[in-house]
Protein backbone atom coordinates (compact mmCIF):
# COMPACT_ATOMS: atom_id res chain seq x y z
CA MET A 1 30.80 204.20 -3.13
CA PRO A 2 28.33 202.81 -5.59
CA GLU A 3 29.87 199.33 -5.12
CA ALA A 4 29.52 199.70 -1.42
CA GLY A 5 25.94 200.52 -1.73
CA LYS A 6 25.44 197.46 -3.90
CA GLU A 7 27.10 195.22 -1.36
CA THR A 8 24.96 196.76 1.38
CA ALA A 9 21.82 196.20 -0.49
CA ALA A 10 22.87 192.43 -1.08
CA THR A 11 23.62 192.06 2.56
CA ALA A 12 20.24 193.65 3.54
CA GLY A 13 18.47 191.47 1.10
CA GLU A 14 20.05 188.38 2.33
CA LYS A 15 19.22 189.24 5.89
CA LYS A 16 15.56 189.78 4.84
CA SER A 17 15.58 186.51 3.02
CA ARG A 18 16.80 184.76 6.17
CA ALA A 19 14.33 186.47 8.40
CA GLY A 20 11.62 185.41 5.92
CA ARG A 21 12.66 181.91 6.27
CA LYS A 22 12.34 181.74 10.00
CA GLY A 23 8.70 181.01 10.02
CA GLN A 24 8.89 178.51 7.07
CA ARG A 25 9.16 174.73 7.54
CA CYS A 26 12.45 173.28 6.57
CA ARG A 27 11.18 170.81 3.92
CA ALA A 28 14.60 169.11 3.53
CA LEU A 29 14.43 167.82 7.10
CA ASP A 30 11.19 166.15 6.25
CA TRP A 31 12.28 164.42 3.11
CA ILE A 32 15.67 163.33 4.59
CA ARG A 33 13.89 161.85 7.52
CA GLY A 34 11.42 160.26 5.01
CA ILE A 35 14.34 158.67 3.05
CA THR A 36 15.84 157.43 6.24
CA LEU A 37 12.49 155.91 7.40
CA VAL A 38 12.07 154.07 4.13
CA SER A 39 15.55 152.83 4.47
CA MET A 40 14.86 151.60 8.03
CA ILE A 41 11.72 149.78 6.96
CA LEU A 42 13.62 147.97 4.23
CA TYR A 43 16.25 147.02 6.69
CA HIS A 44 13.74 145.72 9.25
CA GLY A 45 11.99 143.89 6.51
CA ALA A 46 15.24 142.05 5.72
CA TRP A 47 15.86 141.43 9.43
CA ASP A 48 12.39 139.80 9.64
CA LEU A 49 13.05 137.55 6.56
CA VAL A 50 16.42 136.52 8.07
CA TYR A 51 15.68 136.13 11.70
CA LEU A 52 11.96 135.28 11.82
CA PHE A 53 11.28 133.59 8.39
CA GLY A 54 14.54 131.86 8.10
CA ALA A 55 15.86 133.34 4.76
CA ASN A 56 19.40 132.28 4.04
CA TRP A 57 21.15 135.66 3.21
CA ASP A 58 24.67 135.76 4.44
CA TRP A 59 25.16 139.30 3.35
CA TYR A 60 22.78 140.58 5.93
CA ARG A 61 25.26 139.43 8.63
CA SER A 62 28.08 141.18 6.90
CA LYS A 63 29.91 144.50 7.55
CA GLY A 64 28.01 146.02 4.66
CA ALA A 65 24.68 145.33 6.44
CA TYR A 66 26.05 146.80 9.55
CA VAL A 67 27.10 149.95 7.87
CA TRP A 68 23.53 150.24 6.38
CA GLN A 69 22.05 149.77 9.93
CA GLN A 70 24.37 152.48 11.34
CA SER A 71 23.61 154.94 8.54
CA ILE A 72 20.03 154.69 9.59
CA CYS A 73 20.40 155.14 13.31
CA TRP A 74 23.08 157.93 13.03
CA THR A 75 20.80 159.89 10.69
CA PHE A 76 17.77 159.57 12.83
CA ILE A 77 19.70 160.55 16.01
CA LEU A 78 21.50 163.53 14.23
CA LEU A 79 18.30 164.76 12.74
CA SER A 80 16.34 164.46 16.05
CA GLY A 81 19.12 166.73 17.66
CA PHE A 82 19.03 169.15 14.73
CA CYS A 83 15.35 169.48 14.98
CA TRP A 84 15.44 169.81 18.81
CA ALA A 85 17.27 172.94 18.54
CA LEU A 86 14.99 174.56 16.02
CA GLY A 87 12.18 176.89 17.04
CA GLY A 88 13.95 179.84 18.58
CA PRO A 89 12.80 181.74 21.62
CA ASP A 90 9.30 181.53 23.18
CA ARG A 91 6.97 183.76 21.21
CA ASP A 92 3.63 182.23 22.05
CA GLY A 93 4.18 181.29 25.77
CA GLY A 94 6.45 182.21 28.48
CA PRO A 95 6.17 183.67 31.97
CA SER A 96 2.65 185.09 31.32
CA GLY A 97 1.50 182.40 28.92
CA PRO A 98 0.59 178.61 29.15
CA PHE A 99 3.75 176.60 29.49
CA TRP A 100 2.53 173.79 27.13
CA ARG A 101 2.34 176.54 24.27
CA SER A 102 5.88 177.76 24.99
CA ALA A 103 8.86 176.41 23.01
CA ALA A 104 10.12 174.48 26.07
CA GLY A 105 6.72 173.17 26.58
CA ARG A 106 6.38 171.85 22.94
CA LYS A 107 9.82 170.16 23.38
CA LEU A 108 8.70 168.56 26.62
CA ARG A 109 5.47 167.39 25.11
CA ARG A 110 7.28 165.89 22.16
CA GLY A 111 9.87 164.23 24.25
CA LEU A 112 7.23 162.58 26.48
CA THR A 113 5.42 161.37 23.38
CA VAL A 114 8.39 159.81 21.88
CA PHE A 115 9.49 158.21 25.14
CA ALA A 116 5.89 156.94 25.60
CA GLY A 117 6.13 155.39 22.16
CA GLY A 118 9.36 153.59 23.28
CA ALA A 119 7.68 152.28 26.39
CA LEU A 120 4.70 150.99 24.44
CA ILE A 121 7.08 149.07 22.01
CA THR A 122 8.93 147.72 25.02
CA ALA A 123 5.73 146.40 26.66
CA ALA A 124 4.35 144.95 23.43
CA THR A 125 7.55 143.12 22.52
CA VAL A 126 8.11 141.80 25.94
CA TRP A 127 4.41 140.50 26.13
CA LEU A 128 4.10 139.18 22.59
CA MET A 129 7.70 138.19 21.52
CA PRO A 130 10.05 138.24 24.47
CA GLN A 131 12.76 136.47 22.52
CA ASN A 132 12.93 139.42 20.29
CA ARG A 133 12.13 142.16 23.00
CA VAL A 134 13.17 145.84 22.47
CA VAL A 135 14.35 147.27 25.76
CA PHE A 136 15.96 150.82 25.71
CA GLY A 137 15.18 151.12 22.08
CA VAL A 138 15.90 154.16 19.83
CA LEU A 139 12.51 155.90 20.81
CA THR A 140 13.42 155.62 24.48
CA LEU A 141 16.86 157.17 23.67
CA LEU A 142 15.37 160.13 21.65
CA GLY A 143 12.75 160.87 24.24
CA SER A 144 15.25 160.71 27.05
CA CYS A 145 17.54 163.10 25.20
CA MET A 146 14.72 165.57 24.36
CA ILE A 147 13.66 165.63 28.11
CA LEU A 148 16.97 165.60 29.80
CA LEU A 149 18.42 168.53 27.66
CA LEU A 150 15.57 170.87 28.50
CA PRO A 151 16.97 172.25 31.80
CA LEU A 152 20.29 172.71 29.93
CA ARG A 153 18.96 174.78 27.07
CA GLY A 154 20.48 178.15 28.39
CA ALA A 155 23.93 176.48 28.96
CA ILE A 156 23.87 174.82 25.48
CA CYS A 157 23.03 178.23 23.70
CA ARG A 158 26.02 179.88 25.66
CA ILE A 159 28.48 177.36 24.12
CA PRO A 160 29.93 178.44 20.80
CA PRO A 161 28.27 176.07 18.27
CA ALA A 162 31.35 174.93 16.37
CA ALA A 163 33.10 174.18 19.61
CA GLY A 164 30.04 172.28 20.91
CA MET A 165 29.74 170.27 17.78
CA ALA A 166 33.50 169.28 17.83
CA ALA A 167 33.47 168.33 21.51
CA SER A 168 30.29 166.25 21.18
CA ALA A 169 31.59 164.29 18.15
CA VAL A 170 34.90 163.60 20.07
CA LEU A 171 32.85 162.36 23.16
CA PHE A 172 30.78 160.18 20.86
CA VAL A 173 33.84 158.68 19.27
CA LEU A 174 35.48 158.04 22.63
CA THR A 175 32.39 156.47 24.24
CA ARG A 176 31.10 154.50 21.25
CA ASP A 177 32.14 151.20 22.77
CA VAL A 178 31.05 151.62 26.33
CA ASN A 179 28.27 148.97 25.91
CA ARG A 180 31.05 146.59 25.22
CA GLY A 181 33.16 147.55 28.19
CA PHE A 182 35.72 149.84 26.57
CA TRP A 183 36.51 153.43 25.93
CA GLY A 184 36.87 153.56 22.23
CA PHE A 185 35.18 153.40 18.79
CA GLU A 186 34.09 150.46 16.72
CA GLY A 187 36.61 148.00 18.18
CA TRP A 188 39.48 150.68 18.58
CA ASN A 189 39.61 150.17 22.25
CA LEU A 190 41.60 152.56 24.41
CA THR A 191 41.10 150.88 27.82
CA ALA A 192 38.62 148.55 29.64
CA LEU A 193 36.08 149.95 32.01
CA PRO A 194 35.43 148.75 35.54
CA GLU A 195 32.97 145.68 35.62
CA SER A 196 31.40 147.29 38.60
CA TRP A 197 29.77 149.92 36.32
CA TYR A 198 27.59 147.23 34.64
CA LYS A 199 25.25 146.10 37.28
CA ASN A 200 21.43 147.06 36.87
CA LEU A 201 18.73 148.44 34.74
CA PHE A 202 19.69 152.14 35.47
CA THR A 203 23.33 151.48 34.39
CA THR A 204 21.97 149.77 31.41
CA TRP A 205 19.89 152.81 30.38
CA LEU A 206 23.06 154.93 30.91
CA GLY A 207 25.13 152.68 28.61
CA PHE A 208 26.76 150.10 30.91
CA PRO A 209 24.43 147.01 30.37
CA GLU A 210 23.88 144.52 33.32
CA PRO A 211 25.01 140.91 32.99
CA GLY A 212 22.61 138.95 30.76
CA PHE A 213 20.92 141.97 29.42
CA PHE A 214 19.42 141.41 25.93
CA SER A 215 17.54 143.67 23.34
CA THR A 216 17.12 143.53 19.66
CA ASP A 217 17.27 147.35 19.61
CA TYR A 218 19.50 148.89 22.33
CA PHE A 219 20.42 152.53 22.30
CA SER A 220 21.77 153.70 25.64
CA LEU A 221 22.17 157.34 26.83
CA ILE A 222 25.97 157.08 26.37
CA PRO A 223 27.33 157.25 23.76
CA TRP A 224 24.18 158.23 21.71
CA LEU A 225 23.57 161.43 23.62
CA PHE A 226 26.73 162.88 22.23
CA LEU A 227 25.57 162.21 18.77
CA PHE A 228 22.24 163.90 19.46
CA LEU A 229 24.20 166.82 20.92
CA THR A 230 26.30 166.93 17.77
CA GLY A 231 22.99 167.37 15.81
CA VAL A 232 21.95 170.13 18.30
CA PHE A 233 25.19 172.15 17.88
CA PHE A 234 25.15 171.62 14.13
CA SER A 235 21.68 173.06 14.01
CA LEU A 236 22.67 176.09 16.18
CA TRP A 237 25.70 176.55 14.04
CA MET A 238 23.61 176.52 10.76
CA GLN A 239 21.04 178.93 12.31
CA LYS A 240 23.89 181.34 13.17
CA LYS A 241 25.42 181.16 9.74
CA GLY A 242 22.03 181.37 8.02
CA MET A 243 20.09 178.34 6.78
CA PRO A 244 20.56 177.61 3.07
CA ARG A 245 17.58 178.52 0.83
CA CYS A 246 17.58 175.01 -0.78
CA LEU A 247 16.52 173.41 2.64
CA PHE A 248 13.23 175.32 2.27
CA THR A 249 12.72 175.21 -1.53
CA VAL A 250 13.68 171.71 -2.63
CA ARG A 251 10.63 169.57 -2.29
CA ILE A 252 9.92 165.83 -2.53
CA PRO A 253 6.26 165.60 -1.35
CA ALA A 254 5.82 161.96 -0.89
CA LEU A 255 8.85 161.69 1.23
CA GLU A 256 8.03 164.89 3.15
CA TRP A 257 4.73 163.24 4.11
CA VAL A 258 6.55 160.09 5.37
CA GLY A 259 9.01 162.34 7.30
CA ARG A 260 6.29 164.39 9.00
CA HIS A 261 4.52 161.14 10.20
CA SER A 262 7.71 159.25 11.03
CA LEU A 263 6.69 158.46 14.66
CA GLU A 264 3.32 157.08 13.77
CA LEU A 265 4.77 155.00 10.71
CA TYR A 266 7.63 153.79 13.07
CA MET A 267 5.06 152.51 15.55
CA VAL A 268 3.06 150.49 13.02
CA HIS A 269 5.74 149.39 10.51
CA GLN A 270 6.90 146.07 12.13
CA PRO A 271 3.39 144.66 12.66
CA VAL A 272 2.56 145.63 8.96
CA LEU A 273 5.78 144.09 7.76
CA TYR A 274 5.23 140.93 9.74
CA ALA A 275 1.67 140.62 8.32
CA LEU A 276 2.80 141.08 4.73
CA LEU A 277 5.75 138.57 5.10
CA TRP A 278 3.44 136.11 6.83
CA ALA A 279 0.95 136.32 3.91
CA VAL A 280 3.67 135.67 1.52
CA PHE A 281 5.91 133.13 3.29
CA GLY A 282 3.75 131.72 5.81
CA LYS A 283 4.27 131.42 9.55
CA GLY A 284 7.77 132.67 10.71
């Protein structure tokens, strides 16, 4: 009986610890996002050097550089899905409170902000550097995912997280190459898709680019929504199991700051990079 008492106390203590962490900020998400943003800035700096300033760097066109680029976008999209699922029930809004203060209202506001950031980048690149334009870039994708999933929150929460995570990951793998006209993953093609699916800007946004479409940063809804959903279900699974204490206690302050301001830094990093490289290497 004493052993059972100790076990019960330990369990109660852990439950209390988990409850105490609910209102805390998950610092690890900030510094992981910060690390990823720094990696992205370095990658884009290398891109500018090669494609805008004519640097001769064959490795940047290699498989290794492609893996580097994919590690950045996969991490950003998974993290965005993970964070979208955080926040819990509406505690400061709801039927009798202002919608914009509810959890759903905050998610909608964040989604609209991110989508607007993507629209601004599209407008700026089409106007200032059409040969390197960004249409349906990563911010447009993330904003779209955040907004489109809002009406499905209830249904998502009813799906067992492990099953949802597995199904989303499988769907991502099966649809990874739809932009190239196939079901399949990274060149492992199962079957070709009908050419009639690839016809206009709407199908391009979905994942079936129209003939002649070009963008230096193209992230369509399919397949990337499924990677976003993998992050959503992973977050729900972690919350159900109990978030590890280290996610709240391990601190890297400088990278946390970068992670907390990732959207603002993303919006300004390319003009700053270009100005710095132009100052060093001359006109690109």
